[in-house]
Amino acid sequence: MLVADARGAVVHCNDAAGLLLPAAAPGAPLADVAPAWLCAAHAALGSPGPHAAPGSPGPHAAPDTEEPPRGGIGGRRFRAHPSVRGDGRVAWWLVDDTDHQLVREALRMEQERAAFLAKASSVLLSSLNLGRCMDVAAQMAAESLADAALAVAAVPGRRMPVVTCLRGGTPTQSTVTVDPDDVPGLGEALRGFPPVPSRWIDPSTAPEWMLPQGLGPVGSIVITPLPGHGVPAGALILLRKAETATFSDEEEVFCRLFAARAGAAMSAARLYAEQSAITDVLMRELMPPVLHQISGVDFAGRYRPSADHERIGGDFYDVHPAAVEGEASLVSLGDVCGKGLEAAVLTGKIRNTLHALLPLSGDHQRMLNLLNTALLSSHHTRFATMVLASAVRRGNMVDLTLTSGGHPSPLIIRANGTVEEADTHGTLIGAIPNISATTAAVSLAPGESCVLYTDGITEAKGGPLGGDLFGEERLKRALSGCAGMPAEGIAEHVQMLAAQWLGNRPHDDMAVVVISAPRTHHLSAVNGHTRGRFTA
């Protein structure tokens, strides 16, 4: 405790204050023996005012709502609590606040770091684009951890994608050709090894590509791995200028915490990109082809999945051109029980099985029997309905052979607008060991068509009341007005009517294939030797 009068002279100090302020003897000017911050506080105190009641003793005289003055004495931090007496003297109680100050600063720093890491995780994981993740990682590191930062992606070979960013600048992407082992710490980081301490890295050995233009001399470098999912995602390089403080051990640990989040985001983005590429490759064969005239017969198809965000489902169709000129092309259209990805897996197996059975395409019933056996021997519990159609051009006519395996019968559109139902029916596929099916032979005159469809069209619920089925009769009436239309127009018309009937309501997968005899006498073959194929 130190007591000073209204004139700023020391009146008294106890032993503890004497050890802290050796020159604080009675009568000495306070300005000569005390630090400036304490002198300023004493001068500002002036009269008792609101600080305390006259004569109130002890260090608790200052109100709790007023922050006591703080400052340093001899390398320590102190709080000064005043007690104002009636004669104008002030007793200053000096409380060592060093440890509390360190704790408060440490807490504040940890809170700031935690907030930074939380923001980094949110921003980095908001994008599944690898280049964008590298941009964000380099920019955030440059703004908060260093004067410049480089994000290096781990790739095979020596051509490495690099994103460089200066503090206050924008990220720039480039590709460098370099042996990582030629850069101290980089090879180890790209292999996922623990980082080399920054004090072991000589900034003068940094290659030119690591030094962004405009940065100036580098005084400290940190190279830390970007951990990924199982394999390293890359490396993070942090640079500080020569005039900036070097990285402390604590800062290097924090850099690794940030790098872990950046690496996880980059790894997720890379995994997403790889999965997307694989999906695109696998889906390429499943996307709808543009069907044209094949061996003098017109084909058209349309498909709509049960969910707008899906590209595949349980309905499928294929068109297999004849291997030999003059033979029939084979059309298959089917519907697997269920929808979505699981149903699509089975449609793929059915399509592949039918493709293997193409040499038997002249015998529909044998193909269906063999397909039924194959499905029963698999682990799937789903079944399917299907219709097979063989189409061949003979003169101006198109001869069809139609066989249904538990599927809605094909509809024939005659030139006069009459709609006939093909006389074929049978047992669904993949449910029982023994199946049966009947085959119908139909001939199409020029301008006439055969429509194959799945029950997703006839069972579509909608209409004015919202719960009515589109139904076979409504479909037949719609098709009767399509007499003479080309195959492409009929398929488009059926899909449009079903969509209008549904509105925005849920629905099943829908597929339609139209086979038409062209009106022209000219025989052409577009893609006559190319397999037209669509599965969904």
Protein backbone atom coordinates (compact mmCIF):
# COMPACT_ATOMS: atom_id res chain seq x y z
CA MET A 1 0.00 0.00 0.00
CA LEU A 2 1.17 3.51 -0.85
CA VAL A 3 -0.44 6.72 0.51
CA ALA A 4 -0.12 10.07 -1.31
CA ASP A 5 -1.62 13.43 -0.44
CA ALA A 6 -3.58 15.84 -2.62
CA ARG A 7 -0.34 17.62 -3.64
CA GLY A 8 1.08 14.36 -5.04
CA ALA A 9 3.61 13.68 -2.30
CA VAL A 10 4.19 10.29 -0.71
CA VAL A 11 2.88 10.17 2.85
CA HIS A 12 3.38 6.56 3.71
CA CYS A 13 4.17 3.17 2.16
CA ASN A 14 4.20 -0.24 3.78
CA ASP A 15 7.03 -2.76 3.54
CA ALA A 16 5.62 -4.51 0.44
CA ALA A 17 5.29 -1.19 -1.37
CA GLY A 18 8.81 -0.27 -0.28
CA LEU A 19 10.19 -3.43 -1.89
CA LEU A 20 8.23 -2.71 -5.08
CA LEU A 21 9.07 1.04 -5.15
CA PRO A 22 12.39 1.46 -3.27
CA ALA A 23 12.47 5.27 -3.72
CA ALA A 24 8.98 5.78 -2.25
CA ALA A 25 9.95 7.54 0.97
CA PRO A 26 7.62 9.91 2.86
CA GLY A 27 7.78 13.41 1.37
CA ALA A 28 9.06 12.24 -2.02
CA PRO A 29 7.05 13.43 -5.05
CA LEU A 30 4.88 10.60 -6.34
CA ALA A 31 5.93 11.45 -9.90
CA ASP A 32 9.56 10.62 -9.00
CA VAL A 33 8.96 7.24 -7.37
CA ALA A 34 5.87 5.73 -9.05
CA PRO A 35 5.17 4.70 -12.66
CA ALA A 36 3.45 7.18 -14.95
CA TRP A 37 0.19 5.24 -15.09
CA LEU A 38 -0.18 5.39 -11.27
CA CYS A 39 0.69 9.09 -11.18
CA ALA A 40 -1.89 9.81 -13.87
CA ALA A 41 -4.52 7.85 -11.94
CA HIS A 42 -3.74 9.82 -8.76
CA ALA A 43 -3.94 13.14 -10.59
CA ALA A 44 -7.22 12.17 -12.26
CA LEU A 45 -8.72 11.11 -8.96
CA GLY A 46 -8.54 14.68 -7.63
CA SER A 47 -11.29 14.87 -5.04
CA PRO A 48 -13.18 11.90 -3.56
CA GLY A 49 -16.04 12.40 -6.02
CA PRO A 50 -17.85 9.16 -6.76
CA HIS A 51 -14.96 6.87 -5.98
CA ALA A 52 -15.48 6.33 -2.31
CA ALA A 53 -16.98 7.75 0.85
CA PRO A 54 -14.56 9.86 2.91
CA GLY A 55 -12.65 7.78 5.38
CA SER A 56 -13.68 4.42 3.90
CA PRO A 57 -10.75 2.06 4.38
CA GLY A 58 -9.40 -0.91 2.45
CA PRO A 59 -8.94 -1.86 -1.21
CA HIS A 60 -12.66 -2.32 -1.79
CA ALA A 61 -13.51 1.38 -1.64
CA ALA A 62 -13.68 1.74 -5.44
CA PRO A 63 -17.09 0.85 -6.88
CA ASP A 64 -17.32 -2.53 -8.65
CA THR A 65 -18.63 -0.84 -11.78
CA GLU A 66 -15.44 1.22 -12.30
CA GLU A 67 -12.41 -0.51 -13.78
CA PRO A 68 -9.31 0.14 -11.60
CA PRO A 69 -6.20 1.48 -13.32
CA ARG A 70 -3.66 -1.13 -14.44
CA GLY A 71 -0.01 -1.01 -15.41
CA GLY A 72 3.41 -2.52 -15.11
CA ILE A 73 5.97 -2.24 -12.33
CA GLY A 74 9.27 -4.08 -12.51
CA GLY A 75 8.10 -6.45 -15.24
CA ARG A 76 4.88 -7.39 -13.41
CA ARG A 77 1.28 -6.28 -13.97
CA PHE A 78 -0.66 -4.55 -11.15
CA ARG A 79 -4.15 -3.26 -10.43
CA ALA A 80 -4.36 -0.12 -8.27
CA HIS A 81 -7.41 0.22 -6.01
CA PRO A 82 -7.81 3.72 -4.41
CA SER A 83 -9.20 4.53 -0.97
CA VAL A 84 -9.85 8.29 -0.68
CA ARG A 85 -9.70 9.83 2.79
CA GLY A 86 -11.35 13.01 4.05
CA ASP A 87 -8.14 15.08 4.12
CA GLY A 88 -7.51 14.43 0.39
CA ARG A 89 -5.03 11.68 0.91
CA VAL A 90 -5.39 8.54 -1.24
CA ALA A 91 -4.28 5.09 -0.23
CA TRP A 92 -3.33 3.05 -3.30
CA TRP A 93 -3.63 -0.70 -2.81
CA LEU A 94 -1.45 -2.40 -5.46
CA VAL A 95 -2.55 -5.94 -6.36
CA ASP A 96 -0.31 -8.16 -8.49
CA ASP A 97 -2.41 -9.02 -11.57
CA THR A 98 0.29 -10.66 -13.70
CA ASP A 99 -1.00 -14.23 -13.54
CA HIS A 100 -4.62 -13.18 -14.06
CA GLN A 101 -3.58 -11.06 -17.01
CA LEU A 102 -1.72 -13.97 -18.58
CA VAL A 103 -4.72 -16.21 -18.05
CA ARG A 104 -7.06 -13.62 -19.60
CA GLU A 105 -4.79 -13.16 -22.60
CA ALA A 106 -4.43 -16.91 -23.03
CA LEU A 107 -8.20 -17.35 -22.81
CA ARG A 108 -8.78 -14.55 -25.32
CA MET A 109 -6.24 -16.07 -27.70
CA GLU A 110 -7.79 -19.52 -27.41
CA GLN A 111 -11.24 -18.09 -28.03
CA GLU A 112 -9.98 -16.28 -31.12
CA ARG A 113 -8.22 -19.41 -32.36
CA ALA A 114 -11.26 -21.58 -31.73
CA ALA A 115 -13.44 -19.10 -33.62
CA PHE A 116 -10.93 -19.04 -36.48
CA LEU A 117 -10.82 -22.84 -36.71
CA ALA A 118 -14.61 -23.05 -36.61
CA LYS A 119 -14.86 -20.49 -39.41
CA ALA A 120 -12.17 -22.30 -41.37
CA SER A 121 -14.02 -25.60 -41.11
CA SER A 122 -17.27 -24.00 -42.21
CA VAL A 123 -15.77 -22.13 -45.16
CA LEU A 124 -13.54 -24.98 -46.32
CA LEU A 125 -16.28 -27.60 -46.19
CA SER A 126 -18.78 -25.36 -47.98
CA SER A 127 -17.29 -26.35 -51.32
CA LEU A 128 -16.56 -29.75 -52.81
CA ASN A 129 -14.36 -28.26 -55.50
CA LEU A 130 -10.67 -29.06 -54.94
CA GLY A 131 -9.40 -25.85 -56.53
CA ARG A 132 -11.77 -23.74 -54.45
CA CYS A 133 -10.66 -25.53 -51.24
CA MET A 134 -7.02 -24.82 -52.05
CA ASP A 135 -7.83 -21.15 -52.72
CA VAL A 136 -9.61 -20.79 -49.37
CA ALA A 137 -6.89 -22.63 -47.46
CA ALA A 138 -4.11 -20.44 -48.87
CA GLN A 139 -6.06 -17.20 -48.40
CA MET A 140 -7.13 -17.89 -44.81
CA ALA A 141 -3.60 -18.98 -43.86
CA ALA A 142 -2.08 -15.85 -45.41
CA GLU A 143 -4.53 -13.57 -43.61
CA SER A 144 -4.27 -15.10 -40.15
CA LEU A 145 -1.13 -17.23 -39.85
CA ALA A 146 1.60 -15.79 -42.07
CA ASP A 147 2.54 -13.09 -44.57
CA ALA A 148 2.09 -15.51 -47.48
CA ALA A 149 0.84 -19.08 -47.89
CA LEU A 150 1.00 -21.82 -50.51
CA ALA A 151 -1.32 -24.82 -50.74
CA VAL A 152 0.31 -27.71 -52.62
CA ALA A 153 -1.80 -30.67 -53.78
CA ALA A 154 -0.38 -34.18 -53.47
CA VAL A 155 -0.37 -35.75 -56.93
CA PRO A 156 1.70 -38.50 -58.56
CA GLY A 157 4.75 -37.28 -60.41
CA ARG A 158 6.50 -33.95 -60.25
CA ARG A 159 3.88 -31.61 -61.74
CA MET A 160 2.20 -30.23 -58.63
CA PRO A 161 -0.80 -27.88 -58.54
CA VAL A 162 -0.02 -24.90 -56.29
CA VAL A 163 -2.16 -22.03 -55.00
CA THR A 164 -0.22 -18.97 -53.78
CA CYS A 165 -1.63 -16.08 -51.77
CA LEU A 166 -0.11 -12.96 -50.20
CA ARG A 167 -1.73 -11.30 -47.19
CA GLY A 168 -4.35 -8.93 -48.53
CA GLY A 169 -4.13 -10.45 -52.02
CA THR A 170 -6.11 -12.95 -54.06
CA PRO A 171 -5.12 -16.60 -54.59
CA THR A 172 -3.36 -17.50 -57.84
CA GLN A 173 -3.19 -21.03 -59.24
CA SER A 174 -0.20 -22.49 -61.01
CA THR A 175 1.55 -25.77 -61.72
CA VAL A 176 5.21 -26.29 -60.84
CA THR A 177 7.50 -29.07 -61.94
CA VAL A 178 9.80 -29.95 -59.07
CA ASP A 179 11.13 -32.85 -57.06
CA PRO A 180 9.54 -32.37 -53.60
CA ASP A 181 12.56 -33.95 -51.93
CA ASP A 182 14.70 -31.07 -53.19
CA VAL A 183 12.80 -28.72 -50.87
CA PRO A 184 13.55 -29.29 -47.17
CA GLY A 185 10.41 -30.47 -45.41
CA LEU A 186 8.18 -30.60 -48.52
CA GLY A 187 8.79 -34.22 -49.47
CA GLU A 188 8.10 -35.34 -45.90
CA ALA A 189 4.92 -33.27 -45.70
CA LEU A 190 3.54 -34.61 -48.99
CA ARG A 191 4.12 -38.14 -47.68
CA GLY A 192 2.24 -37.33 -44.49
CA PHE A 193 5.23 -37.40 -42.13
CA PRO A 194 5.35 -35.06 -39.09
CA PRO A 195 6.43 -31.55 -40.08
CA VAL A 196 10.05 -30.42 -39.86
CA PRO A 197 10.39 -27.65 -37.21
CA SER A 198 10.67 -24.23 -38.82
CA ARG A 199 13.97 -23.52 -37.06
CA TRP A 200 15.52 -26.36 -39.10
CA ILE A 201 14.51 -24.79 -42.44
CA ASP A 202 16.91 -22.21 -43.84
CA PRO A 203 14.83 -19.57 -45.67
CA SER A 204 17.77 -18.86 -48.00
CA THR A 205 17.38 -22.36 -49.52
CA ALA A 206 13.75 -21.77 -50.56
CA PRO A 207 13.33 -22.21 -54.35
CA GLU A 208 12.07 -19.31 -56.44
CA TRP A 209 8.61 -20.81 -57.03
CA MET A 210 7.97 -20.75 -53.26
CA LEU A 211 8.63 -17.00 -52.96
CA PRO A 212 5.68 -14.91 -54.16
CA GLN A 213 6.55 -11.75 -56.03
CA GLY A 214 6.33 -8.72 -53.76
CA LEU A 215 6.84 -10.62 -50.50
CA GLY A 216 10.45 -9.52 -49.90
CA PRO A 217 13.09 -11.36 -47.86
CA VAL A 218 11.74 -14.38 -45.98
CA GLY A 219 12.72 -14.88 -42.36
CA SER A 220 10.78 -18.00 -41.33
CA ILE A 221 9.12 -20.93 -43.11
CA VAL A 222 6.68 -23.57 -41.87
CA ILE A 223 5.89 -26.60 -44.06
CA THR A 224 3.19 -28.83 -42.62
CA PRO A 225 1.23 -31.74 -44.13
CA LEU A 226 -2.42 -31.45 -45.11
CA PRO A 227 -3.79 -34.74 -43.73
CA GLY A 228 -6.45 -36.45 -45.82
CA HIS A 229 -8.66 -39.51 -45.56
CA GLY A 230 -6.08 -42.29 -45.49
CA VAL A 231 -3.58 -40.49 -47.72
CA PRO A 232 -2.12 -36.95 -47.50
CA ALA A 233 -4.06 -34.29 -49.37
CA GLY A 234 -0.99 -32.09 -49.84
CA ALA A 235 1.18 -29.63 -47.95
CA LEU A 236 0.74 -26.12 -46.56
CA ILE A 237 3.69 -23.71 -46.80
CA LEU A 238 3.64 -20.61 -44.58
CA LEU A 239 6.09 -17.71 -45.08
CA ARG A 240 6.89 -14.79 -42.81
CA LYS A 241 8.95 -11.76 -43.77
CA ALA A 242 12.38 -11.18 -42.27
CA GLU A 243 11.09 -8.24 -40.21
CA THR A 244 8.20 -10.32 -38.81
CA ALA A 245 8.57 -12.47 -35.70
CA THR A 246 9.49 -16.07 -36.43
CA PHE A 247 7.04 -18.88 -35.78
CA SER A 248 6.92 -20.00 -32.17
CA ASP A 249 6.41 -23.64 -31.20
CA GLU A 250 2.85 -22.80 -30.11
CA GLU A 251 2.12 -21.14 -33.44
CA GLU A 252 3.44 -24.14 -35.36
CA VAL A 253 1.08 -26.40 -33.40
CA PHE A 254 -1.82 -24.11 -34.26
CA CYS A 255 -0.79 -24.14 -37.94
CA ARG A 256 -1.04 -27.93 -37.86
CA LEU A 257 -4.57 -27.69 -36.41
CA PHE A 258 -5.60 -25.44 -39.30
CA ALA A 259 -3.84 -27.71 -41.80
CA ALA A 260 -5.79 -30.70 -40.49
CA ARG A 261 -9.07 -28.99 -41.32
CA ALA A 262 -7.85 -27.79 -44.70
CA GLY A 263 -6.56 -31.26 -45.54
CA ALA A 264 -9.86 -32.88 -44.59
CA ALA A 265 -11.76 -30.46 -46.84
CA MET A 266 -9.35 -30.98 -49.76
CA SER A 267 -9.52 -34.76 -49.33
CA ALA A 268 -13.34 -34.67 -49.30
CA ALA A 269 -13.33 -32.53 -52.45
CA ARG A 270 -10.92 -34.89 -54.20
CA LEU A 271 -12.95 -37.93 -53.16
CA TYR A 272 -16.11 -36.27 -54.46
CA ALA A 273 -14.41 -35.49 -57.77
CA GLU A 274 -13.20 -39.08 -58.11
CA GLN A 275 -16.62 -40.49 -57.26
CA SER A 276 -18.27 -38.11 -59.72
CA ALA A 277 -15.88 -39.20 -62.46
CA ILE A 278 -16.57 -42.87 -61.71
CA THR A 279 -20.31 -42.23 -61.67
CA ASP A 280 -20.16 -40.42 -65.00
CA VAL A 281 -18.29 -43.32 -66.57
CA LEU A 282 -20.77 -45.87 -65.21
CA MET A 283 -23.77 -43.75 -66.16
CA ARG A 284 -22.62 -43.00 -69.68
CA GLU A 285 -24.09 -46.24 -71.03
CA LEU A 286 -27.31 -45.65 -69.11
CA MET A 287 -28.14 -42.25 -70.55
CA PRO A 288 -30.89 -42.09 -73.19
CA PRO A 289 -29.65 -42.29 -76.77
CA VAL A 290 -31.12 -40.33 -79.63
CA LEU A 291 -32.94 -43.12 -81.49
CA HIS A 292 -33.21 -42.79 -85.26
CA GLN A 293 -34.19 -45.02 -88.11
CA ILE A 294 -32.50 -48.43 -87.92
CA SER A 295 -32.63 -50.77 -90.92
CA GLY A 296 -35.67 -48.99 -92.33
CA VAL A 297 -37.63 -48.93 -89.05
CA ASP A 298 -38.22 -45.76 -87.01
CA PHE A 299 -37.56 -45.93 -83.25
CA ALA A 300 -38.11 -43.30 -80.57
CA GLY A 301 -37.97 -43.46 -76.77
CA ARG A 302 -38.63 -41.31 -73.73
CA TYR A 303 -37.89 -41.85 -70.06
CA ARG A 304 -38.75 -39.92 -66.91
CA PRO A 305 -37.39 -41.08 -63.53
CA SER A 306 -39.53 -41.08 -60.40
CA ALA A 307 -37.47 -38.23 -58.92
CA ASP A 308 -36.30 -35.25 -60.93
CA HIS A 309 -32.83 -35.35 -59.32
CA GLU A 310 -32.27 -38.96 -60.39
CA ARG A 311 -31.07 -40.12 -63.79
CA ILE A 312 -31.73 -43.84 -63.43
CA GLY A 313 -34.47 -46.02 -61.97
CA GLY A 314 -36.44 -49.23 -62.41
CA ASP A 315 -37.73 -48.71 -65.97
CA PHE A 316 -35.47 -49.47 -68.91
CA TYR A 317 -35.41 -50.06 -72.62
CA ASP A 318 -32.87 -51.21 -75.20
CA VAL A 319 -32.78 -51.30 -78.99
CA HIS A 320 -30.39 -53.86 -80.48
CA PRO A 321 -29.90 -53.51 -84.25
CA ALA A 322 -29.81 -56.71 -86.26
CA ALA A 323 -26.35 -58.17 -86.65
CA VAL A 324 -27.13 -59.24 -90.21
CA GLU A 325 -28.91 -57.17 -92.86
CA GLY A 326 -32.48 -58.39 -93.35
CA GLU A 327 -32.86 -59.82 -89.85
CA ALA A 328 -34.98 -58.30 -87.09
CA SER A 329 -33.81 -55.72 -84.58
CA LEU A 330 -34.68 -56.54 -80.96
CA VAL A 331 -36.40 -54.07 -78.64
CA SER A 332 -36.74 -54.75 -74.92
CA LEU A 333 -38.71 -52.61 -72.51
CA GLY A 334 -39.24 -53.50 -68.88
CA ASP A 335 -40.10 -52.43 -65.38
CA VAL A 336 -38.29 -53.67 -62.27
CA CYS A 337 -40.20 -53.75 -58.99
CA GLY A 338 -39.18 -50.64 -57.06
CA LYS A 339 -37.39 -47.50 -58.12
CA GLY A 340 -34.20 -45.58 -57.53
CA LEU A 341 -30.66 -46.90 -57.39
CA GLU A 342 -31.44 -50.40 -56.05
CA ALA A 343 -33.89 -51.03 -58.86
CA ALA A 344 -31.39 -49.63 -61.37
CA VAL A 345 -28.80 -52.19 -60.26
CA LEU A 346 -31.15 -55.00 -61.24
CA THR A 347 -32.05 -53.35 -64.54
CA GLY A 348 -28.35 -53.33 -65.37
CA LYS A 349 -28.12 -57.07 -64.74
CA ILE A 350 -31.22 -57.70 -66.83
CA ARG A 351 -29.84 -55.63 -69.69
CA ASN A 352 -26.51 -57.42 -69.62
CA THR A 353 -28.22 -60.81 -69.52
CA LEU A 354 -30.41 -59.91 -72.49
CA HIS A 355 -27.37 -58.69 -74.36
CA ALA A 356 -25.70 -62.06 -73.80
CA LEU A 357 -28.85 -63.78 -75.08
CA LEU A 358 -29.00 -61.81 -78.36
CA PRO A 359 -28.06 -64.88 -80.44
CA LEU A 360 -31.45 -66.30 -79.30
CA SER A 361 -33.40 -63.14 -80.18
CA GLY A 362 -35.52 -65.09 -82.66
CA ASP A 363 -37.02 -67.12 -79.78
CA HIS A 364 -38.55 -64.70 -77.28
CA GLN A 365 -39.92 -67.36 -74.96
CA ARG A 366 -36.56 -69.05 -74.60
CA MET A 367 -34.92 -65.71 -73.84
CA LEU A 368 -37.50 -64.97 -71.14
CA ASN A 369 -37.10 -68.46 -69.62
CA LEU A 370 -33.33 -68.09 -69.42
CA LEU A 371 -33.64 -64.58 -67.99
CA ASN A 372 -36.11 -65.87 -65.40
CA THR A 373 -33.65 -68.59 -64.35
CA ALA A 374 -30.84 -66.05 -64.06
CA LEU A 375 -32.92 -63.75 -61.85
CA LEU A 376 -34.06 -66.57 -59.57
CA SER A 377 -30.44 -67.66 -59.03
CA SER A 378 -29.38 -64.14 -57.96
CA HIS A 379 -29.68 -62.75 -54.43
CA HIS A 380 -32.25 -60.17 -55.51
CA THR A 381 -35.82 -60.53 -54.25
CA ARG A 382 -37.18 -58.16 -56.87
CA PHE A 383 -39.06 -59.18 -59.99
CA ALA A 384 -39.63 -57.51 -63.34
CA THR A 385 -42.14 -57.28 -66.15
CA MET A 386 -40.99 -57.07 -69.74
CA VAL A 387 -42.02 -56.98 -73.34
CA LEU A 388 -39.79 -58.07 -76.25
CA ALA A 389 -40.34 -56.87 -79.80
CA SER A 390 -38.55 -58.01 -82.94
CA ALA A 391 -38.93 -55.55 -85.85
CA VAL A 392 -37.89 -56.07 -89.46
CA ARG A 393 -38.63 -54.08 -92.61
CA ARG A 394 -40.15 -56.09 -95.45
CA GLY A 395 -40.97 -53.92 -98.43
CA ASN A 396 -43.11 -51.04 -97.19
CA MET A 397 -44.29 -53.00 -94.15
CA VAL A 398 -42.69 -53.54 -90.76
CA ASP A 399 -43.27 -57.00 -89.30
CA LEU A 400 -43.30 -57.24 -85.50
CA THR A 401 -43.10 -60.19 -83.15
CA LEU A 402 -44.28 -59.21 -79.67
CA THR A 403 -43.99 -61.18 -76.42
CA SER A 404 -45.08 -59.94 -73.01
CA GLY A 405 -43.74 -61.26 -69.71
CA GLY A 406 -46.30 -59.90 -67.25
CA HIS A 407 -46.12 -56.47 -68.92
CA PRO A 408 -48.91 -54.24 -70.32
CA SER A 409 -49.63 -55.28 -73.88
CA PRO A 410 -48.23 -53.06 -76.65
CA LEU A 411 -50.69 -50.77 -78.43
CA ILE A 412 -50.91 -50.61 -82.22
CA ILE A 413 -51.90 -47.31 -83.89
CA ARG A 414 -53.47 -47.96 -87.27
CA ALA A 415 -53.53 -45.46 -90.11
CA ASN A 416 -57.27 -44.77 -89.60
CA GLY A 417 -56.77 -43.87 -85.89
CA THR A 418 -57.85 -47.22 -84.50
CA VAL A 419 -55.82 -48.35 -81.48
CA GLU A 420 -55.45 -52.11 -81.06
CA GLU A 421 -54.05 -54.04 -78.13
CA ALA A 422 -51.53 -56.70 -79.17
CA ASP A 423 -52.67 -60.20 -78.22
CA THR A 424 -49.74 -61.13 -75.98
CA HIS A 425 -49.54 -61.80 -72.29
CA GLY A 426 -47.40 -63.81 -69.90
CA THR A 427 -45.92 -64.33 -66.44
CA LEU A 428 -43.73 -61.75 -64.74
CA ILE A 429 -40.01 -62.49 -64.64
CA GLY A 430 -37.99 -63.51 -61.57
CA ALA A 431 -40.84 -64.56 -59.28
CA ILE A 432 -41.62 -68.25 -59.96
CA PRO A 433 -39.56 -71.07 -61.51
CA ASN A 434 -41.84 -71.77 -64.46
CA ILE A 435 -43.19 -68.97 -66.61
CA SER A 436 -45.35 -68.85 -69.69
CA ALA A 437 -45.86 -66.27 -72.41
CA THR A 438 -47.74 -65.89 -75.66
CA THR A 439 -46.29 -64.28 -78.79
CA ALA A 440 -48.22 -62.12 -81.21
CA ALA A 441 -47.32 -61.26 -84.81
CA VAL A 442 -48.27 -57.79 -86.05
CA SER A 443 -47.61 -55.96 -89.32
CA LEU A 444 -47.39 -52.19 -89.58
CA ALA A 445 -48.30 -50.40 -92.77
CA PRO A 446 -46.56 -47.12 -93.65
CA GLY A 447 -47.48 -44.48 -91.05
CA GLU A 448 -48.60 -47.04 -88.45
CA SER A 449 -46.88 -47.46 -85.08
CA CYS A 450 -46.51 -49.79 -82.11
CA VAL A 451 -46.24 -48.24 -78.62
CA LEU A 452 -44.47 -50.05 -75.75
CA TYR A 453 -44.91 -48.40 -72.35
CA THR A 454 -44.53 -49.03 -68.62
CA ASP A 455 -47.32 -48.80 -66.06
CA GLY A 456 -45.81 -45.59 -64.67
CA ILE A 457 -47.76 -43.84 -67.45
CA THR A 458 -51.16 -45.51 -67.01
CA GLU A 459 -50.92 -45.48 -63.19
CA ALA A 460 -49.93 -41.81 -62.99
CA LYS A 461 -52.28 -40.12 -60.50
CA GLY A 462 -53.46 -36.61 -61.23
CA GLY A 463 -56.08 -34.87 -63.28
CA PRO A 464 -58.56 -32.24 -62.08
CA LEU A 465 -59.22 -34.02 -58.76
CA GLY A 466 -55.62 -35.06 -58.24
CA GLY A 467 -56.28 -38.75 -57.52
CA ASP A 468 -57.45 -40.18 -60.84
CA LEU A 469 -55.31 -42.66 -62.78
CA PHE A 470 -54.32 -41.71 -66.30
CA GLY A 471 -55.45 -45.20 -67.29
CA GLU A 472 -55.25 -47.35 -70.40
CA GLU A 473 -58.44 -45.99 -71.96
CA ARG A 474 -57.24 -42.40 -71.71
CA LEU A 475 -53.92 -43.48 -73.22
CA LYS A 476 -55.68 -45.22 -76.11
CA ARG A 477 -57.81 -42.15 -76.84
CA ALA A 478 -54.69 -40.01 -76.85
CA LEU A 479 -52.91 -42.38 -79.21
CA SER A 480 -55.84 -42.50 -81.61
CA GLY A 481 -55.11 -38.88 -82.43
CA CYS A 482 -51.49 -39.73 -83.23
CA ALA A 483 -52.25 -41.69 -86.39
CA GLY A 484 -49.66 -40.93 -89.04
CA MET A 485 -47.36 -39.05 -86.65
CA PRO A 486 -43.66 -39.96 -86.69
CA ALA A 487 -42.31 -42.11 -83.87
CA GLU A 488 -40.51 -39.16 -82.25
CA GLY A 489 -43.71 -37.11 -82.15
CA ILE A 490 -45.75 -39.93 -80.59
CA ALA A 491 -43.18 -40.56 -77.83
CA GLU A 492 -42.98 -36.85 -77.06
CA HIS A 493 -46.80 -36.54 -77.03
CA VAL A 494 -47.24 -39.42 -74.57
CA GLN A 495 -44.62 -38.02 -72.22
CA MET A 496 -46.16 -34.54 -72.39
CA LEU A 497 -49.69 -35.82 -71.62
CA ALA A 498 -48.45 -37.83 -68.64
CA ALA A 499 -46.55 -34.82 -67.30
CA GLN A 500 -49.59 -32.55 -67.65
CA TRP A 501 -51.79 -35.14 -65.91
CA LEU A 502 -49.36 -35.45 -62.99
CA GLY A 503 -48.53 -31.82 -62.43
CA ASN A 504 -46.08 -31.71 -59.52
CA ARG A 505 -47.34 -34.88 -57.84
CA PRO A 506 -45.16 -37.91 -57.02
CA HIS A 507 -45.01 -40.60 -59.65
CA ASP A 508 -43.32 -43.83 -60.64
CA ASP A 509 -40.68 -44.23 -63.34
CA MET A 510 -42.14 -43.85 -66.83
CA ALA A 511 -40.79 -45.16 -70.11
CA VAL A 512 -42.17 -45.39 -73.64
CA VAL A 513 -40.77 -46.76 -76.91
CA VAL A 514 -42.44 -46.22 -80.28
CA ILE A 515 -41.77 -48.42 -83.34
CA SER A 516 -43.06 -47.02 -86.64
CA ALA A 517 -43.18 -47.96 -90.30
CA PRO A 518 -42.01 -44.89 -92.23
CA ARG A 519 -44.32 -43.37 -94.79
CA THR A 520 -41.51 -42.91 -97.30
CA HIS A 521 -40.47 -45.66 -99.67
CA HIS A 522 -36.84 -44.63 -99.27
CA LEU A 523 -34.98 -47.07 -97.08
CA SER A 524 -32.21 -45.59 -94.99
CA ALA A 525 -30.30 -46.78 -91.99
CA VAL A 526 -29.08 -44.22 -89.53
CA ASN A 527 -26.82 -45.94 -87.02
CA GLY A 528 -27.77 -49.18 -88.71
CA HIS A 529 -24.75 -50.94 -87.27
CA THR A 530 -24.65 -49.14 -83.95
CA ARG A 531 -26.38 -50.41 -80.87
CA GLY A 532 -29.05 -47.96 -79.67
CA ARG A 533 -29.48 -48.37 -75.99
CA PHE A 534 -31.07 -46.73 -72.97
CA THR A 535 -31.54 -47.95 -69.49
CA ALA A 536 -32.89 -46.17 -66.48
